[in-house]
Structure formats: structure tokens, C-alpha cells
Amino acid sequence: MAAKATCIITTSYADTGAYGVRTDNDDKVYFPFSVAEALELEEFDEVEAILIQNDRADPPWKALRARRIDEVHNN
């Protein structure tokens, strides 16, 4: 089942993607390289993301798409 959630980036790797935490329930989220690279995600960035259950048990969520919070409020 898909979900939309605000996330805070906690770790970002130049070659593998990023990880974050949902602000509504503290679940961990994986941001694949393609998503992290497109937004140039760094630690402490806030994003709104479309999430699906991850193929792996940890982290439980994977971001399909994301946008920066400041883009949400400026549109």
C-alpha cells in the first residue's frame, strides 16, 4: 500500500542513495540513488515523499518520488 509522508533525511551517500525517517511515525525510509541524486539530498533536508513497502524488512519503506518541503509550500 502506498503512503504520502513528510520525511527528514538522516544519512546521504553519494553512490547508493539516502535514508530518512518519517515524521508521523518514526519509521525508516530508503531513498534510492535516482531519487536522492535528483534532489541532491543531504542530511537534515525535509521532503514529502510517495512511499511503498520496501522489498527488504529494514527499512520498511522505500520512496518512489519525493519533493522538497519548500517546493510544496511555494506552489
PDB file of N, CA and C in Angstrom:
ATOM      1  N   MET A   1       0.832  -1.172   0.000  1.00  0.00           N
ATOM      2  CA  MET A   1       0.000   0.000   0.000  1.00  0.00           C
ATOM      3  C   MET A   1       0.882   1.243   0.000  1.00  0.00           C
ATOM      4  N   ALA A   2       0.558   2.204  -0.828  1.00  0.00           N
ATOM      5  CA  ALA A   2       1.325   3.444  -0.921  1.00  0.00           C
ATOM      6  C   ALA A   2       0.897   4.421   0.171  1.00  0.00           C
ATOM      7  N   ALA A   3       1.819   5.314   0.509  1.00  0.00           N
ATOM      8  CA  ALA A   3       1.545   6.346   1.504  1.00  0.00           C
ATOM      9  C   ALA A   3       2.291   7.611   1.111  1.00  0.00           C
ATOM     10  N   LYS A   4       1.801   8.746   1.575  1.00  0.00           N
ATOM     11  CA  LYS A   4       2.492  10.022   1.397  1.00  0.00           C
ATOM     12  C   LYS A   4       2.883  10.505   2.777  1.00  0.00           C
ATOM     13  N   ALA A   5       4.163  10.888   2.942  1.00  0.00           N
ATOM     14  CA  ALA A   5       4.620  11.300   4.259  1.00  0.00           C
ATOM     15  C   ALA A   5       5.742  12.319   4.155  1.00  0.00           C
ATOM     16  N   THR A   6       5.833  13.140   5.177  1.00  0.00           N
ATOM     17  CA  THR A   6       6.959  14.049   5.318  1.00  0.00           C
ATOM     18  C   THR A   6       8.096  13.272   5.963  1.00  0.00           C
ATOM     19  N   CYS A   7       9.298  13.449   5.417  1.00  0.00           N
ATOM     20  CA  CYS A   7      10.471  12.720   5.914  1.00  0.00           C
ATOM     21  C   CYS A   7      11.629  13.684   6.130  1.00  0.00           C
ATOM     22  N   ILE A   8      12.500  13.341   7.069  1.00  0.00           N
ATOM     23  CA  ILE A   8      13.730  14.072   7.312  1.00  0.00           C
ATOM     24  C   ILE A   8      14.884  13.149   6.949  1.00  0.00           C
ATOM     25  N   ILE A   9      15.786  13.634   6.120  1.00  0.00           N
ATOM     26  CA  ILE A   9      16.933  12.836   5.694  1.00  0.00           C
ATOM     27  C   ILE A   9      17.935  12.760   6.844  1.00  0.00           C
ATOM     28  N   THR A  10      18.349  11.542   7.165  1.00  0.00           N
ATOM     29  CA  THR A  10      19.294  11.333   8.260  1.00  0.00           C
ATOM     30  C   THR A  10      20.691  10.976   7.773  1.00  0.00           C
ATOM     31  N   THR A  11      20.777  10.329   6.612  1.00  0.00           N
ATOM     32  CA  THR A  11      22.060   9.907   6.046  1.00  0.00           C
ATOM     33  C   THR A  11      21.962   9.956   4.537  1.00  0.00           C
ATOM     34  N   SER A  12      23.022  10.452   3.890  1.00  0.00           N
ATOM     35  CA  SER A  12      23.049  10.507   2.436  1.00  0.00           C
ATOM     36  C   SER A  12      24.395  10.009   1.936  1.00  0.00           C
ATOM     37  N   TYR A  13      24.363   9.079   0.981  1.00  0.00           N
ATOM     38  CA  TYR A  13      25.586   8.514   0.400  1.00  0.00           C
ATOM     39  C   TYR A  13      25.653   8.890  -1.071  1.00  0.00           C
ATOM     40  N   ALA A  14      26.806   9.294  -1.529  1.00  0.00           N
ATOM     41  CA  ALA A  14      26.983   9.774  -2.903  1.00  0.00           C
ATOM     42  C   ALA A  14      26.715   8.697  -3.943  1.00  0.00           C
ATOM     43  N   ASP A  15      26.874   7.430  -3.583  1.00  0.00           N
ATOM     44  CA  ASP A  15      26.776   6.377  -4.601  1.00  0.00           C
ATOM     45  C   ASP A  15      25.654   5.365  -4.396  1.00  0.00           C
ATOM     46  N   THR A  16      24.923   5.439  -3.274  1.00  0.00           N
ATOM     47  CA  THR A  16      23.895   4.426  -3.037  1.00  0.00           C
ATOM     48  C   THR A  16      22.525   4.978  -2.669  1.00  0.00           C
ATOM     49  N   GLY A  17      22.396   6.257  -2.423  1.00  0.00           N
ATOM     50  CA  GLY A  17      21.104   6.815  -2.058  1.00  0.00           C
ATOM     51  C   GLY A  17      21.128   7.450  -0.689  1.00  0.00           C
ATOM     52  N   ALA A  18      19.954   7.532  -0.078  1.00  0.00           N
ATOM     53  CA  ALA A  18      19.842   8.198   1.218  1.00  0.00           C
ATOM     54  C   ALA A  18      18.844   7.454   2.103  1.00  0.00           C
ATOM     55  N   TYR A  19      18.894   7.784   3.387  1.00  0.00           N
ATOM     56  CA  TYR A  19      17.965   7.226   4.358  1.00  0.00           C
ATOM     57  C   TYR A  19      17.364   8.360   5.164  1.00  0.00           C
ATOM     58  N   GLY A  20      16.139   8.157   5.571  1.00  0.00           N
ATOM     59  CA  GLY A  20      15.472   9.167   6.356  1.00  0.00           C
ATOM     60  C   GLY A  20      14.493   8.541   7.326  1.00  0.00           C
ATOM     61  N   VAL A  21      13.739   9.398   7.981  1.00  0.00           N
ATOM     62  CA  VAL A  21      12.752   8.955   8.956  1.00  0.00           C
ATOM     63  C   VAL A  21      11.444   9.698   8.690  1.00  0.00           C
ATOM     64  N   ARG A  22      10.334   8.956   8.762  1.00  0.00           N
ATOM     65  CA  ARG A  22       9.013   9.581   8.617  1.00  0.00           C
ATOM     66  C   ARG A  22       8.723  10.416   9.863  1.00  0.00           C
ATOM     67  N   THR A  23       8.142  11.582   9.671  1.00  0.00           N
ATOM     68  CA  THR A  23       7.837  12.430  10.826  1.00  0.00           C
ATOM     69  C   THR A  23       6.554  12.023  11.538  1.00  0.00           C
ATOM     70  N   ASP A  24       5.710  11.222  10.879  1.00  0.00           N
ATOM     71  CA  ASP A  24       4.440  10.839  11.504  1.00  0.00           C
ATOM     72  C   ASP A  24       4.531   9.606  12.390  1.00  0.00           C
ATOM     73  N   ASN A  25       5.520   8.732  12.126  1.00  0.00           N
ATOM     74  CA  ASN A  25       5.598   7.513  12.942  1.00  0.00           C
ATOM     75  C   ASN A  25       7.028   7.024  13.213  1.00  0.00           C
ATOM     76  N   ASP A  26       8.026   7.781  12.789  1.00  0.00           N
ATOM     77  CA  ASP A  26       9.445   7.475  13.021  1.00  0.00           C
ATOM     78  C   ASP A  26       9.952   6.222  12.297  1.00  0.00           C
ATOM     79  N   ASP A  27       9.183   5.682  11.339  1.00  0.00           N
ATOM     80  CA  ASP A  27       9.678   4.558  10.540  1.00  0.00           C
ATOM     81  C   ASP A  27      10.807   5.036   9.629  1.00  0.00           C
ATOM     82  N   LYS A  28      11.750   4.144   9.352  1.00  0.00           N
ATOM     83  CA  LYS A  28      12.861   4.465   8.461  1.00  0.00           C
ATOM     84  C   LYS A  28      12.418   4.358   7.003  1.00  0.00           C
ATOM     85  N   VAL A  29      13.058   5.175   6.145  1.00  0.00           N
ATOM     86  CA  VAL A  29      12.739   5.219   4.719  1.00  0.00           C
ATOM     87  C   VAL A  29      14.033   5.180   3.913  1.00  0.00           C
ATOM     88  N   TYR A  30      14.040   4.365   2.859  1.00  0.00           N
ATOM     89  CA  TYR A  30      15.153   4.322   1.918  1.00  0.00           C
ATOM     90  C   TYR A  30      14.807   5.173   0.698  1.00  0.00           C
ATOM     91  N   PHE A  31      15.704   6.061   0.315  1.00  0.00           N
ATOM     92  CA  PHE A  31      15.571   6.868  -0.890  1.00  0.00           C
ATOM     93  C   PHE A  31      16.578   6.348  -1.902  1.00  0.00           C
ATOM     94  N   PRO A  32      16.118   5.647  -2.954  1.00  0.00           N
ATOM     95  CA  PRO A  32      17.051   5.100  -3.938  1.00  0.00           C
ATOM     96  C   PRO A  32      17.934   6.191  -4.545  1.00  0.00           C
ATOM     97  N   PHE A  33      19.051   5.759  -5.101  1.00  0.00           N
ATOM     98  CA  PHE A  33      20.024   6.674  -5.675  1.00  0.00           C
ATOM     99  C   PHE A  33      19.377   7.653  -6.653  1.00  0.00           C
ATOM    100  N   SER A  34      18.484   7.167  -7.503  1.00  0.00           N
ATOM    101  CA  SER A  34      17.868   8.045  -8.511  1.00  0.00           C
ATOM    102  C   SER A  34      17.076   9.179  -7.870  1.00  0.00           C
ATOM    103  N   VAL A  35      16.372   8.889  -6.780  1.00  0.00           N
ATOM    104  CA  VAL A  35      15.590   9.919  -6.081  1.00  0.00           C
ATOM    105  C   VAL A  35      16.527  10.862  -5.329  1.00  0.00           C
ATOM    106  N   ALA A  36      17.486  10.299  -4.608  1.00  0.00           N
ATOM    107  CA  ALA A  36      18.422  11.114  -3.823  1.00  0.00           C
ATOM    108  C   ALA A  36      19.267  12.018  -4.711  1.00  0.00           C
ATOM    109  N   GLU A  37      19.703  11.491  -5.844  1.00  0.00           N
ATOM    110  CA  GLU A  37      20.536  12.278  -6.757  1.00  0.00           C
ATOM    111  C   GLU A  37      19.732  13.411  -7.393  1.00  0.00           C
ATOM    112  N   ALA A  38      18.505  13.132  -7.802  1.00  0.00           N
ATOM    113  CA  ALA A  38      17.680  14.150  -8.456  1.00  0.00           C
ATOM    114  C   ALA A  38      17.441  15.355  -7.541  1.00  0.00           C
ATOM    115  N   LEU A  39      17.288  15.109  -6.249  1.00  0.00           N
ATOM    116  CA  LEU A  39      17.042  16.191  -5.291  1.00  0.00           C
ATOM    117  C   LEU A  39      18.308  16.658  -4.583  1.00  0.00           C
ATOM    118  N   GLU A  40      19.427  15.995  -4.850  1.00  0.00           N
ATOM    119  CA  GLU A  40      20.694  16.294  -4.164  1.00  0.00           C
ATOM    120  C   GLU A  40      20.482  16.296  -2.648  1.00  0.00           C
ATOM    121  N   LEU A  41      19.904  15.195  -2.152  1.00  0.00           N
ATOM    122  CA  LEU A  41      19.546  15.107  -0.743  1.00  0.00           C
ATOM    123  C   LEU A  41      20.770  15.105   0.159  1.00  0.00           C
ATOM    124  N   GLU A  42      20.648  15.840   1.250  1.00  0.00           N
ATOM    125  CA  GLU A  42      21.670  15.908   2.285  1.00  0.00           C
ATOM    126  C   GLU A  42      21.005  15.742   3.644  1.00  0.00           C
ATOM    127  N   GLU A  43      21.809  15.436   4.646  1.00  0.00           N
ATOM    128  CA  GLU A  43      21.286  15.284   6.000  1.00  0.00           C
ATOM    129  C   GLU A  43      20.518  16.538   6.421  1.00  0.00           C
ATOM    130  N   PHE A  44      19.416  16.345   7.117  1.00  0.00           N
ATOM    131  CA  PHE A  44      18.529  17.369   7.650  1.00  0.00           C
ATOM    132  C   PHE A  44      17.563  17.956   6.617  1.00  0.00           C
ATOM    133  N   ASP A  45      17.658  17.553   5.342  1.00  0.00           N
ATOM    134  CA  ASP A  45      16.678  18.012   4.353  1.00  0.00           C
ATOM    135  C   ASP A  45      15.308  17.448   4.709  1.00  0.00           C
ATOM    136  N   GLU A  46      14.264  18.233   4.492  1.00  0.00           N
ATOM    137  CA  GLU A  46      12.887  17.776   4.693  1.00  0.00           C
ATOM    138  C   GLU A  46      12.223  17.615   3.338  1.00  0.00           C
ATOM    139  N   VAL A  47      11.601  16.459   3.131  1.00  0.00           N
ATOM    140  CA  VAL A  47      10.945  16.169   1.866  1.00  0.00           C
ATOM    141  C   VAL A  47       9.571  15.560   2.110  1.00  0.00           C
ATOM    142  N   GLU A  48       8.717  15.708   1.119  1.00  0.00           N
ATOM    143  CA  GLU A  48       7.446  14.993   1.095  1.00  0.00           C
ATOM    144  C   GLU A  48       7.633  13.875   0.085  1.00  0.00           C
ATOM    145  N   ALA A  49       7.298  12.658   0.457  1.00  0.00           N
ATOM    146  CA  ALA A  49       7.596  11.508  -0.400  1.00  0.00           C
ATOM    147  C   ALA A  49       6.389  10.597  -0.577  1.00  0.00           C
ATOM    148  N   ILE A  50       6.346   9.973  -1.750  1.00  0.00           N
ATOM    149  CA  ILE A  50       5.396   8.891  -2.005  1.00  0.00           C
ATOM    150  C   ILE A  50       6.147   7.603  -1.680  1.00  0.00           C
ATOM    151  N   LEU A  51       5.604   6.828  -0.761  1.00  0.00           N
ATOM    152  CA  LEU A  51       6.297   5.649  -0.229  1.00  0.00           C
ATOM    153  C   LEU A  51       5.543   4.368  -0.552  1.00  0.00           C
ATOM    154  N   ILE A  52       6.307   3.302  -0.712  1.00  0.00           N
ATOM    155  CA  ILE A  52       5.754   1.949  -0.803  1.00  0.00           C
ATOM    156  C   ILE A  52       6.511   1.072   0.173  1.00  0.00           C
ATOM    157  N   GLN A  53       5.933  -0.085   0.487  1.00  0.00           N
ATOM    158  CA  GLN A  53       6.648  -1.011   1.353  1.00  0.00           C
ATOM    159  C   GLN A  53       7.908  -1.477   0.639  1.00  0.00           C
ATOM    160  N   ASN A  54       9.008  -1.486   1.368  1.00  0.00           N
ATOM    161  CA  ASN A  54      10.297  -1.888   0.805  1.00  0.00           C
ATOM    162  C   ASN A  54      10.339  -3.397   0.620  1.00  0.00           C
ATOM    163  N   ASP A  55      11.114  -3.856  -0.350  1.00  0.00           N
ATOM    164  CA  ASP A  55      11.300  -5.291  -0.576  1.00  0.00           C
ATOM    165  C   ASP A  55      12.042  -5.949   0.579  1.00  0.00           C
ATOM    166  N   ARG A  56      12.767  -5.156   1.321  1.00  0.00           N
ATOM    167  CA  ARG A  56      13.527  -5.656   2.475  1.00  0.00           C
ATOM    168  C   ARG A  56      12.809  -5.278   3.763  1.00  0.00           C
ATOM    169  N   ALA A  57      13.114  -6.005   4.820  1.00  0.00           N
ATOM    170  CA  ALA A  57      12.454  -5.745   6.102  1.00  0.00           C
ATOM    171  C   ALA A  57      12.914  -4.429   6.727  1.00  0.00           C
ATOM    172  N   ASP A  58      14.173  -4.066   6.504  1.00  0.00           N
ATOM    173  CA  ASP A  58      14.708  -2.841   7.095  1.00  0.00           C
ATOM    174  C   ASP A  58      15.475  -2.055   6.058  1.00  0.00           C
ATOM    175  N   PRO A  59      15.098  -0.858   5.765  1.00  0.00           N
ATOM    176  CA  PRO A  59      13.976  -0.121   6.324  1.00  0.00           C
ATOM    177  C   PRO A  59      12.655  -0.555   5.713  1.00  0.00           C
ATOM    178  N   PRO A  60      11.555  -0.321   6.419  1.00  0.00           N
ATOM    179  CA  PRO A  60      10.268  -0.828   5.943  1.00  0.00           C
ATOM    180  C   PRO A  60       9.682  -0.073   4.751  1.00  0.00           C
ATOM    181  N   TRP A  61      10.165   1.146   4.477  1.00  0.00           N
ATOM    182  CA  TRP A  61       9.609   1.969   3.405  1.00  0.00           C
ATOM    183  C   TRP A  61      10.665   2.344   2.373  1.00  0.00           C
ATOM    184  N   LYS A  62      10.214   2.515   1.125  1.00  0.00           N
ATOM    185  CA  LYS A  62      11.080   2.987   0.035  1.00  0.00           C
ATOM    186  C   LYS A  62      10.346   4.115  -0.677  1.00  0.00           C
ATOM    187  N   ALA A  63      11.070   5.186  -0.969  1.00  0.00           N
ATOM    188  CA  ALA A  63      10.476   6.339  -1.657  1.00  0.00           C
ATOM    189  C   ALA A  63      10.480   6.110  -3.164  1.00  0.00           C
ATOM    190  N   LEU A  64       9.299   6.288  -3.776  1.00  0.00           N
ATOM    191  CA  LEU A  64       9.199   6.242  -5.235  1.00  0.00           C
ATOM    192  C   LEU A  64       9.525   7.598  -5.840  1.00  0.00           C
ATOM    193  N   ARG A  65       9.002   8.629  -5.205  1.00  0.00           N
ATOM    194  CA  ARG A  65       9.223  10.011  -5.647  1.00  0.00           C
ATOM    195  C   ARG A  65       9.268  10.882  -4.415  1.00  0.00           C
ATOM    196  N   ALA A  66       9.891  12.045  -4.566  1.00  0.00           N
ATOM    197  CA  ALA A  66       9.961  12.980  -3.443  1.00  0.00           C
ATOM    198  C   ALA A  66      10.116  14.397  -3.968  1.00  0.00           C
ATOM    199  N   ARG A  67       9.747  15.342  -3.131  1.00  0.00           N
ATOM    200  CA  ARG A  67       9.971  16.750  -3.434  1.00  0.00           C
ATOM    201  C   ARG A  67      10.300  17.461  -2.127  1.00  0.00           C
ATOM    202  N   ARG A  68      11.090  18.492  -2.252  1.00  0.00           N
ATOM    203  CA  ARG A  68      11.484  19.253  -1.067  1.00  0.00           C
ATOM    204  C   ARG A  68      10.260  19.952  -0.467  1.00  0.00           C
ATOM    205  N   ILE A  69      10.241  20.071   0.844  1.00  0.00           N
ATOM    206  CA  ILE A  69       9.130  20.715   1.537  1.00  0.00           C
ATOM    207  C   ILE A  69       8.975  22.159   1.077  1.00  0.00           C
ATOM    208  N   ASP A  70      10.074  22.883   0.854  1.00  0.00           N
ATOM    209  CA  ASP A  70       9.957  24.271   0.422  1.00  0.00           C
ATOM    210  C   ASP A  70       9.289  24.379  -0.941  1.00  0.00           C
ATOM    211  N   GLU A  71       9.411  23.358  -1.807  1.00  0.00           N
ATOM    212  CA  GLU A  71       8.719  23.348  -3.088  1.00  0.00           C
ATOM    213  C   GLU A  71       7.218  23.163  -2.890  1.00  0.00           C
ATOM    214  N   VAL A  72       6.833  22.397  -1.905  1.00  0.00           N
ATOM    215  CA  VAL A  72       5.413  22.165  -1.611  1.00  0.00           C
ATOM    216  C   VAL A  72       4.748  23.469  -1.187  1.00  0.00           C
ATOM    217  N   HIS A  73       5.404  24.228  -0.325  1.00  0.00           N
ATOM    218  CA  HIS A  73       4.823  25.458   0.219  1.00  0.00           C
ATOM    219  C   HIS A  73       4.891  26.626  -0.762  1.00  0.00           C
ATOM    220  N   ASN A  74       5.792  26.581  -1.726  1.00  0.00           N
ATOM    221  CA  ASN A  74       5.930  27.671  -2.691  1.00  0.00           C
ATOM    222  C   ASN A  74       5.027  27.518  -3.896  1.00  0.00           C
ATOM    223  N   ASN A  75       4.357  26.374  -4.037  1.00  0.00           N
ATOM    224  CA  ASN A  75       3.464  26.150  -5.187  1.00  0.00           C
ATOM    225  C   ASN A  75       2.030  26.409  -4.850  1.00  0.00           C
TER     226      ASN A  75
END
